[in-house]
PDB file of N, CA and C in Angstrom:
ATOM      1  N   MET A   1      13.343 -12.421 -22.010  1.00  0.00           N
ATOM      2  CA  MET A   1      12.038 -13.200 -21.839  1.00  0.00           C
ATOM      3  C   MET A   1      11.781 -13.600 -20.194  1.00  0.00           C
ATOM      4  N   LEU A   2      12.692 -13.721 -19.611  1.00  0.00           N
ATOM      5  CA  LEU A   2      12.266 -14.266 -18.121  1.00  0.00           C
ATOM      6  C   LEU A   2      11.792 -12.812 -17.688  1.00  0.00           C
ATOM      7  N   MET A   3      12.567 -11.444 -17.932  1.00  0.00           N
ATOM      8  CA  MET A   3      12.184 -10.214 -17.287  1.00  0.00           C
ATOM      9  C   MET A   3      10.499  -9.916 -17.643  1.00  0.00           C
ATOM     10  N   LYS A   4      10.085 -10.400 -18.864  1.00  0.00           N
ATOM     11  CA  LYS A   4       8.945 -10.283 -19.291  1.00  0.00           C
ATOM     12  C   LYS A   4       7.915 -10.885 -18.833  1.00  0.00           C
ATOM     13  N   LEU A   5       8.038 -12.355 -18.472  1.00  0.00           N
ATOM     14  CA  LEU A   5       7.258 -13.241 -17.424  1.00  0.00           C
ATOM     15  C   LEU A   5       7.039 -12.639 -16.252  1.00  0.00           C
ATOM     16  N   LEU A   6       7.950 -12.143 -15.519  1.00  0.00           N
ATOM     17  CA  LEU A   6       8.315 -11.792 -14.254  1.00  0.00           C
ATOM     18  C   LEU A   6       7.273 -10.402 -14.400  1.00  0.00           C
ATOM     19  N   VAL A   7       7.242  -9.479 -15.040  1.00  0.00           N
ATOM     20  CA  VAL A   7       6.489  -8.252 -15.299  1.00  0.00           C
ATOM     21  C   VAL A   7       4.914  -8.921 -15.440  1.00  0.00           C
ATOM     22  N   VAL A   8       4.628  -9.524 -16.287  1.00  0.00           N
ATOM     23  CA  VAL A   8       3.225 -10.222 -16.416  1.00  0.00           C
ATOM     24  C   VAL A   8       2.704 -10.819 -15.102  1.00  0.00           C
ATOM     25  N   GLN A   9       3.441 -11.487 -14.240  1.00  0.00           N
ATOM     26  CA  GLN A   9       3.302 -11.960 -13.135  1.00  0.00           C
ATOM     27  C   GLN A   9       3.166 -11.058 -11.997  1.00  0.00           C
ATOM     28  N   LEU A  10       3.863 -10.246 -12.116  1.00  0.00           N
ATOM     29  CA  LEU A  10       3.635  -8.858 -11.351  1.00  0.00           C
ATOM     30  C   LEU A  10       2.377  -8.071 -11.501  1.00  0.00           C
ATOM     31  N   GLU A  11       1.920  -7.993 -12.711  1.00  0.00           N
ATOM     32  CA  GLU A  11       0.819  -7.160 -13.102  1.00  0.00           C
ATOM     33  C   GLU A  11      -0.525  -8.224 -12.505  1.00  0.00           C
ATOM     34  N   ALA A  12      -0.511  -9.410 -12.859  1.00  0.00           N
ATOM     35  CA  ALA A  12      -1.777 -10.308 -12.266  1.00  0.00           C
ATOM     36  C   ALA A  12      -1.498 -10.351 -11.046  1.00  0.00           C
ATOM     37  N   PHE A  13      -0.436 -10.384 -10.067  1.00  0.00           N
ATOM     38  CA  PHE A  13      -0.605 -10.284  -8.566  1.00  0.00           C
ATOM     39  C   PHE A  13      -1.302  -8.840  -8.413  1.00  0.00           C
ATOM     40  N   LYS A  14      -0.686  -7.850  -8.993  1.00  0.00           N
ATOM     41  CA  LYS A  14      -1.392  -6.510  -8.394  1.00  0.00           C
ATOM     42  C   LYS A  14      -3.054  -6.624  -8.578  1.00  0.00           C
ATOM     43  N   MET A  15      -3.528  -7.053  -9.713  1.00  0.00           N
ATOM     44  CA  MET A  15      -4.790  -6.734 -10.098  1.00  0.00           C
ATOM     45  C   MET A  15      -5.826  -8.203  -9.637  1.00  0.00           C
ATOM     46  N   GLU A  16      -5.179  -9.183  -8.760  1.00  0.00           N
ATOM     47  CA  GLU A  16      -5.765 -10.040  -8.359  1.00  0.00           C
ATOM     48  C   GLU A  16      -6.826  -9.818  -7.330  1.00  0.00           C
ATOM     49  N   ASP A  17      -8.022 -10.382  -7.366  1.00  0.00           N
ATOM     50  CA  ASP A  17      -9.252 -10.065  -6.703  1.00  0.00           C
ATOM     51  C   ASP A  17      -9.011 -10.700  -5.240  1.00  0.00           C
ATOM     52  N   LEU A  18      -9.156  -9.839  -4.187  1.00  0.00           N
ATOM     53  CA  LEU A  18      -8.831 -10.177  -3.066  1.00  0.00           C
ATOM     54  C   LEU A  18      -9.870 -10.473  -2.061  1.00  0.00           C
ATOM     55  N   SER A  19     -11.359  -9.591  -2.570  1.00  0.00           N
ATOM     56  CA  SER A  19     -12.592  -9.974  -1.771  1.00  0.00           C
ATOM     57  C   SER A  19     -12.336  -9.542  -0.370  1.00  0.00           C
ATOM     58  N   VAL A  20     -11.407  -8.392  -0.150  1.00  0.00           N
ATOM     59  CA  VAL A  20     -11.230  -8.201   1.233  1.00  0.00           C
ATOM     60  C   VAL A  20     -12.025  -6.890   1.382  1.00  0.00           C
ATOM     61  N   VAL A  21     -12.698  -6.635   2.613  1.00  0.00           N
ATOM     62  CA  VAL A  21     -13.786  -5.641   2.772  1.00  0.00           C
ATOM     63  C   VAL A  21     -12.787  -4.710   3.783  1.00  0.00           C
ATOM     64  N   ILE A  22     -12.742  -3.379   3.224  1.00  0.00           N
ATOM     65  CA  ILE A  22     -12.131  -2.497   4.229  1.00  0.00           C
ATOM     66  C   ILE A  22     -13.050  -1.624   4.733  1.00  0.00           C
ATOM     67  N   ILE A  23     -13.220  -1.463   5.919  1.00  0.00           N
ATOM     68  CA  ILE A  23     -13.870  -0.657   7.079  1.00  0.00           C
ATOM     69  C   ILE A  23     -13.309   0.572   7.214  1.00  0.00           C
ATOM     70  N   LYS A  24     -14.100   1.389   6.712  1.00  0.00           N
ATOM     71  CA  LYS A  24     -13.538   3.082   6.502  1.00  0.00           C
ATOM     72  C   LYS A  24     -13.758   3.365   8.167  1.00  0.00           C
ATOM     73  N   ARG A  25     -12.641   4.491   8.316  1.00  0.00           N
ATOM     74  CA  ARG A  25     -12.788   5.348   9.773  1.00  0.00           C
ATOM     75  C   ARG A  25     -14.057   6.538   9.485  1.00  0.00           C
ATOM     76  N   GLY A  26     -14.483   6.696  10.679  1.00  0.00           N
ATOM     77  CA  GLY A  26     -15.599   7.634  10.938  1.00  0.00           C
ATOM     78  C   GLY A  26     -16.705   7.385  11.394  1.00  0.00           C
ATOM     79  N   LYS A  27     -17.419   8.135  11.588  1.00  0.00           N
ATOM     80  CA  LYS A  27     -18.962   7.870  12.417  1.00  0.00           C
ATOM     81  C   LYS A  27     -19.518   6.495  11.547  1.00  0.00           C
ATOM     82  N   LYS A  28     -19.804   6.708  10.289  1.00  0.00           N
ATOM     83  CA  LYS A  28     -20.732   5.950   9.592  1.00  0.00           C
ATOM     84  C   LYS A  28     -20.137   4.733   9.235  1.00  0.00           C
ATOM     85  N   ARG A  29     -18.519   4.351   9.317  1.00  0.00           N
ATOM     86  CA  ARG A  29     -17.832   3.444   9.214  1.00  0.00           C
ATOM     87  C   ARG A  29     -18.342   2.366   7.930  1.00  0.00           C
ATOM     88  N   TYR A  30     -18.481   2.988   6.899  1.00  0.00           N
ATOM     89  CA  TYR A  30     -18.837   2.796   5.684  1.00  0.00           C
ATOM     90  C   TYR A  30     -17.877   1.583   5.108  1.00  0.00           C
ATOM     91  N   THR A  31     -18.083   0.533   4.286  1.00  0.00           N
ATOM     92  CA  THR A  31     -17.128  -0.413   3.697  1.00  0.00           C
ATOM     93  C   THR A  31     -16.860  -0.191   2.150  1.00  0.00           C
ATOM     94  N   GLU A  32     -15.703  -0.723   1.687  1.00  0.00           N
ATOM     95  CA  GLU A  32     -15.144  -0.593   0.466  1.00  0.00           C
ATOM     96  C   GLU A  32     -14.114  -1.771   0.069  1.00  0.00           C
ATOM     97  N   PRO A  33     -14.042  -2.227  -1.191  1.00  0.00           N
ATOM     98  CA  PRO A  33     -13.376  -3.443  -1.419  1.00  0.00           C
ATOM     99  C   PRO A  33     -12.099  -2.777  -1.428  1.00  0.00           C
ATOM    100  N   PHE A  34     -10.948  -3.624  -1.193  1.00  0.00           N
ATOM    101  CA  PHE A  34      -9.508  -3.159  -1.217  1.00  0.00           C
ATOM    102  C   PHE A  34      -9.325  -2.682  -2.537  1.00  0.00           C
ATOM    103  N   MET A  35      -8.564  -1.722  -2.847  1.00  0.00           N
ATOM    104  CA  MET A  35      -8.130  -1.400  -4.260  1.00  0.00           C
ATOM    105  C   MET A  35      -6.539  -0.865  -4.048  1.00  0.00           C
ATOM    106  N   HIS A  36      -6.306  -2.056  -4.878  1.00  0.00           N
ATOM    107  CA  HIS A  36      -4.839  -1.921  -4.922  1.00  0.00           C
ATOM    108  C   HIS A  36      -3.903  -0.850  -5.346  1.00  0.00           C
ATOM    109  N   LYS A  37      -4.681   0.222  -6.401  1.00  0.00           N
ATOM    110  CA  LYS A  37      -4.192   1.241  -6.745  1.00  0.00           C
ATOM    111  C   LYS A  37      -4.190   2.441  -5.905  1.00  0.00           C
ATOM    112  N   LYS A  38      -5.277   2.319  -5.253  1.00  0.00           N
ATOM    113  CA  LYS A  38      -5.297   3.267  -4.228  1.00  0.00           C
ATOM    114  C   LYS A  38      -4.215   3.448  -3.123  1.00  0.00           C
ATOM    115  N   LEU A  39      -3.782   2.144  -2.679  1.00  0.00           N
ATOM    116  CA  LEU A  39      -2.726   1.972  -1.805  1.00  0.00           C
ATOM    117  C   LEU A  39      -1.452   2.245  -2.392  1.00  0.00           C
ATOM    118  N   HIS A  40      -1.069   1.774  -3.604  1.00  0.00           N
ATOM    119  CA  HIS A  40       0.108   2.236  -4.311  1.00  0.00           C
ATOM    120  C   HIS A  40       0.184   3.645  -4.408  1.00  0.00           C
ATOM    121  N   ASP A  41      -0.702   4.170  -4.936  1.00  0.00           N
ATOM    122  CA  ASP A  41      -0.669   5.803  -5.038  1.00  0.00           C
ATOM    123  C   ASP A  41      -0.272   6.767  -4.015  1.00  0.00           C
ATOM    124  N   SER A  42      -0.959   6.016  -2.658  1.00  0.00           N
ATOM    125  CA  SER A  42      -0.688   6.988  -1.650  1.00  0.00           C
ATOM    126  C   SER A  42       0.848   6.388  -0.927  1.00  0.00           C
ATOM    127  N   ILE A  43       1.310   5.434  -1.540  1.00  0.00           N
ATOM    128  CA  ILE A  43       2.878   4.925  -0.932  1.00  0.00           C
ATOM    129  C   ILE A  43       3.948   5.749  -1.955  1.00  0.00           C
ATOM    130  N   VAL A  44       3.592   5.856  -3.196  1.00  0.00           N
ATOM    131  CA  VAL A  44       4.449   6.765  -4.184  1.00  0.00           C
ATOM    132  C   VAL A  44       4.198   8.216  -3.868  1.00  0.00           C
ATOM    133  N   ALA A  45       2.978   8.911  -3.501  1.00  0.00           N
ATOM    134  CA  ALA A  45       2.740  10.006  -3.040  1.00  0.00           C
ATOM    135  C   ALA A  45       3.779  10.413  -1.694  1.00  0.00           C
ATOM    136  N   ALA A  46       3.892   9.305  -1.012  1.00  0.00           N
ATOM    137  CA  ALA A  46       4.496   9.615   0.423  1.00  0.00           C
ATOM    138  C   ALA A  46       6.143   9.626  -0.155  1.00  0.00           C
ATOM    139  N   CYS A  47       6.477   8.649  -0.641  1.00  0.00           N
ATOM    140  CA  CYS A  47       7.811   8.678  -1.251  1.00  0.00           C
ATOM    141  C   CYS A  47       8.128   9.796  -2.045  1.00  0.00           C
ATOM    142  N   LEU A  48       7.464  10.614  -2.940  1.00  0.00           N
ATOM    143  CA  LEU A  48       7.614  11.398  -3.604  1.00  0.00           C
ATOM    144  C   LEU A  48       7.854  12.919  -2.962  1.00  0.00           C
ATOM    145  N   SER A  49       7.005  12.870  -1.871  1.00  0.00           N
ATOM    146  CA  SER A  49       7.012  13.982  -0.774  1.00  0.00           C
ATOM    147  C   SER A  49       8.471  14.139  -0.232  1.00  0.00           C
ATOM    148  N   VAL A  50       9.085  13.038  -0.104  1.00  0.00           N
ATOM    149  CA  VAL A  50      10.431  13.364   0.709  1.00  0.00           C
ATOM    150  C   VAL A  50      11.312  13.214  -0.531  1.00  0.00           C
ATOM    151  N   ARG A  51      10.740  13.269  -1.518  1.00  0.00           N
ATOM    152  CA  ARG A  51      11.973  13.730  -2.633  1.00  0.00           C
ATOM    153  C   ARG A  51      12.947  12.599  -3.175  1.00  0.00           C
ATOM    154  N   ALA A  52      12.109  11.078  -3.050  1.00  0.00           N
ATOM    155  CA  ALA A  52      12.780  10.000  -3.535  1.00  0.00           C
ATOM    156  C   ALA A  52      12.395  10.071  -5.149  1.00  0.00           C
ATOM    157  N   PRO A  53      13.582   9.608  -5.820  1.00  0.00           N
ATOM    158  CA  PRO A  53      13.217   9.313  -7.378  1.00  0.00           C
ATOM    159  C   PRO A  53      12.033   8.723  -7.522  1.00  0.00           C
ATOM    160  N   GLU A  54      11.306   9.176  -8.842  1.00  0.00           N
ATOM    161  CA  GLU A  54      10.024   8.419  -9.032  1.00  0.00           C
ATOM    162  C   GLU A  54      10.372   7.016  -9.413  1.00  0.00           C
ATOM    163  N   GLY A  55      11.442   6.463  -9.854  1.00  0.00           N
ATOM    164  CA  GLY A  55      11.484   4.927 -10.147  1.00  0.00           C
ATOM    165  C   GLY A  55      11.649   4.398  -8.799  1.00  0.00           C
ATOM    166  N   GLN A  56      12.255   4.911  -7.777  1.00  0.00           N
ATOM    167  CA  GLN A  56      12.753   4.158  -6.615  1.00  0.00           C
ATOM    168  C   GLN A  56      11.258   4.558  -5.637  1.00  0.00           C
ATOM    169  N   ALA A  57      10.337   5.356  -5.787  1.00  0.00           N
ATOM    170  CA  ALA A  57       9.198   5.533  -5.299  1.00  0.00           C
ATOM    171  C   ALA A  57       8.039   4.099  -5.973  1.00  0.00           C
ATOM    172  N   GLU A  58       8.235   4.164  -7.131  1.00  0.00           N
ATOM    173  CA  GLU A  58       7.344   3.226  -7.753  1.00  0.00           C
ATOM    174  C   GLU A  58       7.828   1.836  -7.408  1.00  0.00           C
ATOM    175  N   ALA A  59       9.063   1.327  -7.311  1.00  0.00           N
ATOM    176  CA  ALA A  59       9.491   0.275  -6.783  1.00  0.00           C
ATOM    177  C   ALA A  59       9.084  -0.049  -5.273  1.00  0.00           C
ATOM    178  N   THR A  60       9.284   0.832  -4.639  1.00  0.00           N
ATOM    179  CA  THR A  60       9.010   1.321  -3.066  1.00  0.00           C
ATOM    180  C   THR A  60       7.445   0.619  -3.002  1.00  0.00           C
ATOM    181  N   ALA A  61       6.672   1.251  -3.555  1.00  0.00           N
ATOM    182  CA  ALA A  61       5.140   1.203  -3.736  1.00  0.00           C
ATOM    183  C   ALA A  61       4.790  -0.404  -4.090  1.00  0.00           C
ATOM    184  N   ASP A  62       5.682  -1.068  -4.983  1.00  0.00           N
ATOM    185  CA  ASP A  62       5.267  -2.071  -5.302  1.00  0.00           C
ATOM    186  C   ASP A  62       5.725  -3.170  -4.579  1.00  0.00           C
ATOM    187  N   ALA A  63       7.199  -3.141  -3.472  1.00  0.00           N
ATOM    188  CA  ALA A  63       7.200  -3.985  -2.680  1.00  0.00           C
ATOM    189  C   ALA A  63       6.428  -3.927  -1.462  1.00  0.00           C
ATOM    190  N   VAL A  64       5.923  -2.621  -1.283  1.00  0.00           N
ATOM    191  CA  VAL A  64       5.027  -2.379  -0.034  1.00  0.00           C
ATOM    192  C   VAL A  64       3.790  -3.374  -0.133  1.00  0.00           C
ATOM    193  N   CYS A  65       3.280  -2.913  -1.513  1.00  0.00           N
ATOM    194  CA  CYS A  65       1.908  -3.656  -1.908  1.00  0.00           C
ATOM    195  C   CYS A  65       1.798  -5.031  -1.716  1.00  0.00           C
ATOM    196  N   GLU A  66       3.015  -5.439  -2.179  1.00  0.00           N
ATOM    197  CA  GLU A  66       3.021  -7.021  -2.372  1.00  0.00           C
ATOM    198  C   GLU A  66       3.009  -7.416  -0.995  1.00  0.00           C
ATOM    199  N   GLY A  67       3.975  -6.550   0.308  1.00  0.00           N
ATOM    200  CA  GLY A  67       3.707  -7.101   1.512  1.00  0.00           C
ATOM    201  C   GLY A  67       2.314  -7.181   2.323  1.00  0.00           C
ATOM    202  N   VAL A  68       1.545  -5.953   1.635  1.00  0.00           N
ATOM    203  CA  VAL A  68       0.188  -5.702   2.212  1.00  0.00           C
ATOM    204  C   VAL A  68      -0.759  -6.840   1.660  1.00  0.00           C
ATOM    205  N   ILE A  69      -0.629  -7.037   0.589  1.00  0.00           N
ATOM    206  CA  ILE A  69      -1.580  -8.037  -0.049  1.00  0.00           C
ATOM    207  C   ILE A  69      -1.376  -9.490   0.425  1.00  0.00           C
ATOM    208  N   SER A  70      -0.047  -9.875   0.529  1.00  0.00           N
ATOM    209  CA  SER A  70       0.035 -11.278   1.436  1.00  0.00           C
ATOM    210  C   SER A  70      -0.580 -11.024   2.805  1.00  0.00           C
ATOM    211  N   TRP A  71      -0.313 -10.093   3.334  1.00  0.00           N
ATOM    212  CA  TRP A  71      -1.252  -9.933   4.728  1.00  0.00           C
ATOM    213  C   TRP A  71      -2.592  -9.863   4.560  1.00  0.00           C
ATOM    214  N   LEU A  72      -3.308  -9.336   3.917  1.00  0.00           N
ATOM    215  CA  LEU A  72      -4.528  -9.418   3.432  1.00  0.00           C
ATOM    216  C   LEU A  72      -5.391 -10.511   3.306  1.00  0.00           C
ATOM    217  N   LYS A  73      -4.362 -11.212   2.284  1.00  0.00           N
ATOM    218  CA  LYS A  73      -4.927 -12.668   1.870  1.00  0.00           C
ATOM    219  C   LYS A  73      -5.389 -13.611   3.270  1.00  0.00           C
ATOM    220  N   GLN A  74      -5.203 -13.130   4.456  1.00  0.00           N
ATOM    221  CA  GLN A  74      -5.290 -13.976   5.516  1.00  0.00           C
ATOM    222  C   GLN A  74      -6.744 -13.583   6.233  1.00  0.00           C
ATOM    223  N   ARG A  75      -7.170 -12.290   5.923  1.00  0.00           N
ATOM    224  CA  ARG A  75      -8.453 -11.857   6.538  1.00  0.00           C
ATOM    225  C   ARG A  75      -9.589 -11.338   5.514  1.00  0.00           C
ATOM    226  N   PRO A  76     -10.751 -11.688   5.981  1.00  0.00           N
ATOM    227  CA  PRO A  76     -11.950 -11.200   5.215  1.00  0.00           C
ATOM    228  C   PRO A  76     -12.263  -9.621   5.441  1.00  0.00           C
ATOM    229  N   GLU A  77     -12.073  -9.037   6.398  1.00  0.00           N
ATOM    230  CA  GLU A  77     -12.305  -7.912   6.569  1.00  0.00           C
ATOM    231  C   GLU A  77     -11.103  -7.085   7.547  1.00  0.00           C
ATOM    232  N   VAL A  78     -10.530  -5.938   7.345  1.00  0.00           N
ATOM    233  CA  VAL A  78      -9.871  -5.168   8.187  1.00  0.00           C
ATOM    234  C   VAL A  78     -10.383  -3.720   7.949  1.00  0.00           C
ATOM    235  N   THR A  79      -9.825  -2.893   8.963  1.00  0.00           N
ATOM    236  CA  THR A  79     -10.030  -1.571   8.767  1.00  0.00           C
ATOM    237  C   THR A  79      -8.812  -0.620   8.287  1.00  0.00           C
ATOM    238  N   SER A  80      -9.133   0.499   7.723  1.00  0.00           N
ATOM    239  CA  SER A  80      -8.324   1.337   6.933  1.00  0.00           C
ATOM    240  C   SER A  80      -6.944   1.724   7.932  1.00  0.00           C
ATOM    241  N   GLN A  81      -7.327   1.818   9.079  1.00  0.00           N
ATOM    242  CA  GLN A  81      -6.282   1.870  10.075  1.00  0.00           C
ATOM    243  C   GLN A  81      -5.219   0.979  10.258  1.00  0.00           C
ATOM    244  N   ASP A  82      -5.757  -0.360  10.056  1.00  0.00           N
ATOM    245  CA  ASP A  82      -4.978  -1.612   9.997  1.00  0.00           C
ATOM    246  C   ASP A  82      -4.123  -1.909   8.653  1.00  0.00           C
ATOM    247  N   ILE A  83      -4.764  -1.408   7.628  1.00  0.00           N
ATOM    248  CA  ILE A  83      -3.728  -1.359   6.159  1.00  0.00           C
ATOM    249  C   ILE A  83      -2.736  -0.263   6.584  1.00  0.00           C
ATOM    250  N   ARG A  84      -3.089   0.862   6.966  1.00  0.00           N
ATOM    251  CA  ARG A  84      -1.926   1.859   7.364  1.00  0.00           C
ATOM    252  C   ARG A  84      -0.767   1.224   8.372  1.00  0.00           C
ATOM    253  N   VAL A  85      -1.177   0.696   9.308  1.00  0.00           N
ATOM    254  CA  VAL A  85      -0.272   0.377  10.009  1.00  0.00           C
ATOM    255  C   VAL A  85       0.679  -0.661   9.342  1.00  0.00           C
ATOM    256  N   ILE A  86       0.229  -1.827   8.558  1.00  0.00           N
ATOM    257  CA  ILE A  86       0.680  -2.859   8.175  1.00  0.00           C
ATOM    258  C   ILE A  86       1.778  -1.995   6.666  1.00  0.00           C
ATOM    259  N   ALA A  87       1.025  -1.092   6.173  1.00  0.00           N
ATOM    260  CA  ALA A  87       1.844  -0.445   5.023  1.00  0.00           C
ATOM    261  C   ALA A  87       3.006   0.223   5.800  1.00  0.00           C
ATOM    262  N   THR A  88       2.914   0.869   6.827  1.00  0.00           N
ATOM    263  CA  THR A  88       3.978   1.428   7.500  1.00  0.00           C
ATOM    264  C   THR A  88       5.191   0.696   7.884  1.00  0.00           C
ATOM    265  N   ARG A  89       4.816  -0.462   8.170  1.00  0.00           N
ATOM    266  CA  ARG A  89       5.880  -1.377   8.867  1.00  0.00           C
ATOM    267  C   ARG A  89       6.607  -2.059   7.723  1.00  0.00           C
ATOM    268  N   TYR A  90       5.949  -2.058   6.469  1.00  0.00           N
ATOM    269  CA  TYR A  90       6.840  -2.529   5.314  1.00  0.00           C
ATOM    270  C   TYR A  90       7.461  -1.286   4.715  1.00  0.00           C
ATOM    271  N   LEU A  91       6.840  -0.213   4.568  1.00  0.00           N
ATOM    272  CA  LEU A  91       7.341   1.045   4.204  1.00  0.00           C
ATOM    273  C   LEU A  91       8.875   1.407   4.956  1.00  0.00           C
ATOM    274  N   LYS A  92       9.008   1.121   6.211  1.00  0.00           N
ATOM    275  CA  LYS A  92       9.616   1.484   7.332  1.00  0.00           C
ATOM    276  C   LYS A  92      11.234   0.707   6.583  1.00  0.00           C
ATOM    277  N   LYS A  93      10.928  -0.423   5.915  1.00  0.00           N
ATOM    278  CA  LYS A  93      12.131  -1.221   5.532  1.00  0.00           C
ATOM    279  C   LYS A  93      12.606  -0.555   4.376  1.00  0.00           C
ATOM    280  N   TYR A  94      12.068   0.108   3.643  1.00  0.00           N
ATOM    281  CA  TYR A  94      12.461   0.440   2.507  1.00  0.00           C
ATOM    282  C   TYR A  94      12.792   2.005   2.344  1.00  0.00           C
ATOM    283  N   HIS A  95      11.999   2.580   3.049  1.00  0.00           N
ATOM    284  CA  HIS A  95      11.900   4.287   3.159  1.00  0.00           C
ATOM    285  C   HIS A  95      11.760   4.647   4.669  1.00  0.00           C
ATOM    286  N   PRO A  96      12.673   4.748   5.784  1.00  0.00           N
ATOM    287  CA  PRO A  96      11.972   5.294   6.513  1.00  0.00           C
ATOM    288  C   PRO A  96      11.343   6.712   6.847  1.00  0.00           C
ATOM    289  N   GLU A  97      11.799   7.543   5.800  1.00  0.00           N
ATOM    290  CA  GLU A  97      11.513   8.954   6.272  1.00  0.00           C
ATOM    291  C   GLU A  97       9.918   8.959   5.539  1.00  0.00           C
ATOM    292  N   ALA A  98       9.861   8.172   4.489  1.00  0.00           N
ATOM    293  CA  ALA A  98       8.547   8.170   3.701  1.00  0.00           C
ATOM    294  C   ALA A  98       7.469   7.286   4.713  1.00  0.00           C
ATOM    295  N   ALA A  99       8.152   6.477   5.364  1.00  0.00           N
ATOM    296  CA  ALA A  99       7.011   5.919   6.376  1.00  0.00           C
ATOM    297  C   ALA A  99       6.935   6.749   7.430  1.00  0.00           C
ATOM    298  N   TYR A 100       7.668   7.615   8.046  1.00  0.00           N
ATOM    299  CA  TYR A 100       6.967   8.526   9.223  1.00  0.00           C
ATOM    300  C   TYR A 100       5.964   9.485   8.389  1.00  0.00           C
ATOM    301  N   LEU A 101       6.025  10.055   7.120  1.00  0.00           N
ATOM    302  CA  LEU A 101       5.492  11.093   6.470  1.00  0.00           C
ATOM    303  C   LEU A 101       4.032  10.031   6.381  1.00  0.00           C
ATOM    304  N   TYR A 102       4.076   9.020   5.996  1.00  0.00           N
ATOM    305  CA  TYR A 102       2.766   8.051   5.398  1.00  0.00           C
ATOM    306  C   TYR A 102       2.208   7.842   6.892  1.00  0.00           C
ATOM    307  N   GLU A 103       2.851   7.575   7.885  1.00  0.00           N
ATOM    308  CA  GLU A 103       2.180   7.402   9.200  1.00  0.00           C
ATOM    309  C   GLU A 103       1.598   8.575   9.795  1.00  0.00           C
ATOM    310  N   GLN A 104       2.181   9.657   9.816  1.00  0.00           N
ATOM    311  CA  GLN A 104       1.871  10.919  10.359  1.00  0.00           C
ATOM    312  C   GLN A 104       0.662  11.799   9.425  1.00  0.00           C
ATOM    313  N   HIS A 105       0.417  11.408   8.437  1.00  0.00           N
ATOM    314  CA  HIS A 105      -0.233  12.315   7.252  1.00  0.00           C
ATOM    315  C   HIS A 105      -1.358  12.919   7.983  1.00  0.00           C
ATOM    316  N   ARG A 106      -2.031  12.347   8.731  1.00  0.00           N
ATOM    317  CA  ARG A 106      -3.158  13.446   9.253  1.00  0.00           C
ATOM    318  C   ARG A 106      -2.838  14.426  10.312  1.00  0.00           C
ATOM    319  N   ILE A 107      -1.921  14.338  11.078  1.00  0.00           N
ATOM    320  CA  ILE A 107      -1.295  15.095  12.005  1.00  0.00           C
ATOM    321  C   ILE A 107      -1.216  16.696  11.164  1.00  0.00           C
ATOM    322  N   THR A 108      -1.478  17.458  11.619  1.00  0.00           N
ATOM    323  CA  THR A 108      -1.328  19.163  11.263  1.00  0.00           C
ATOM    324  C   THR A 108      -0.245  19.565  12.197  1.00  0.00           C
ATOM    325  N   ILE A 109       0.753  20.013  11.467  1.00  0.00           N
ATOM    326  CA  ILE A 109       1.944  20.856  12.300  1.00  0.00           C
ATOM    327  C   ILE A 109       1.788  22.461  12.353  1.00  0.00           C
TER     328      ILE A 109
END
């Protein structure tokens, strides 16, 4: 029963409307609302890319997103780079190898 309650609370936390504006990179610097799913999916992808088990990737993404969301609650707008830096900081705690990949994703070797 307690576990079910925790799952419901976590789902409500994930879907919480933050009303944070994300300023995208590029010449036009357009904005978009924060999307939990987009961040979560990118963290999962980084973890899976370094061969983390799917369950671990999901749990890691949940923990990282929780940290990023708590950081975002204090800000009305941030850049997409700000989110990447904060997400990397949290991801380093759980999976340093995935954090490196997440941080360096735009660099082509």
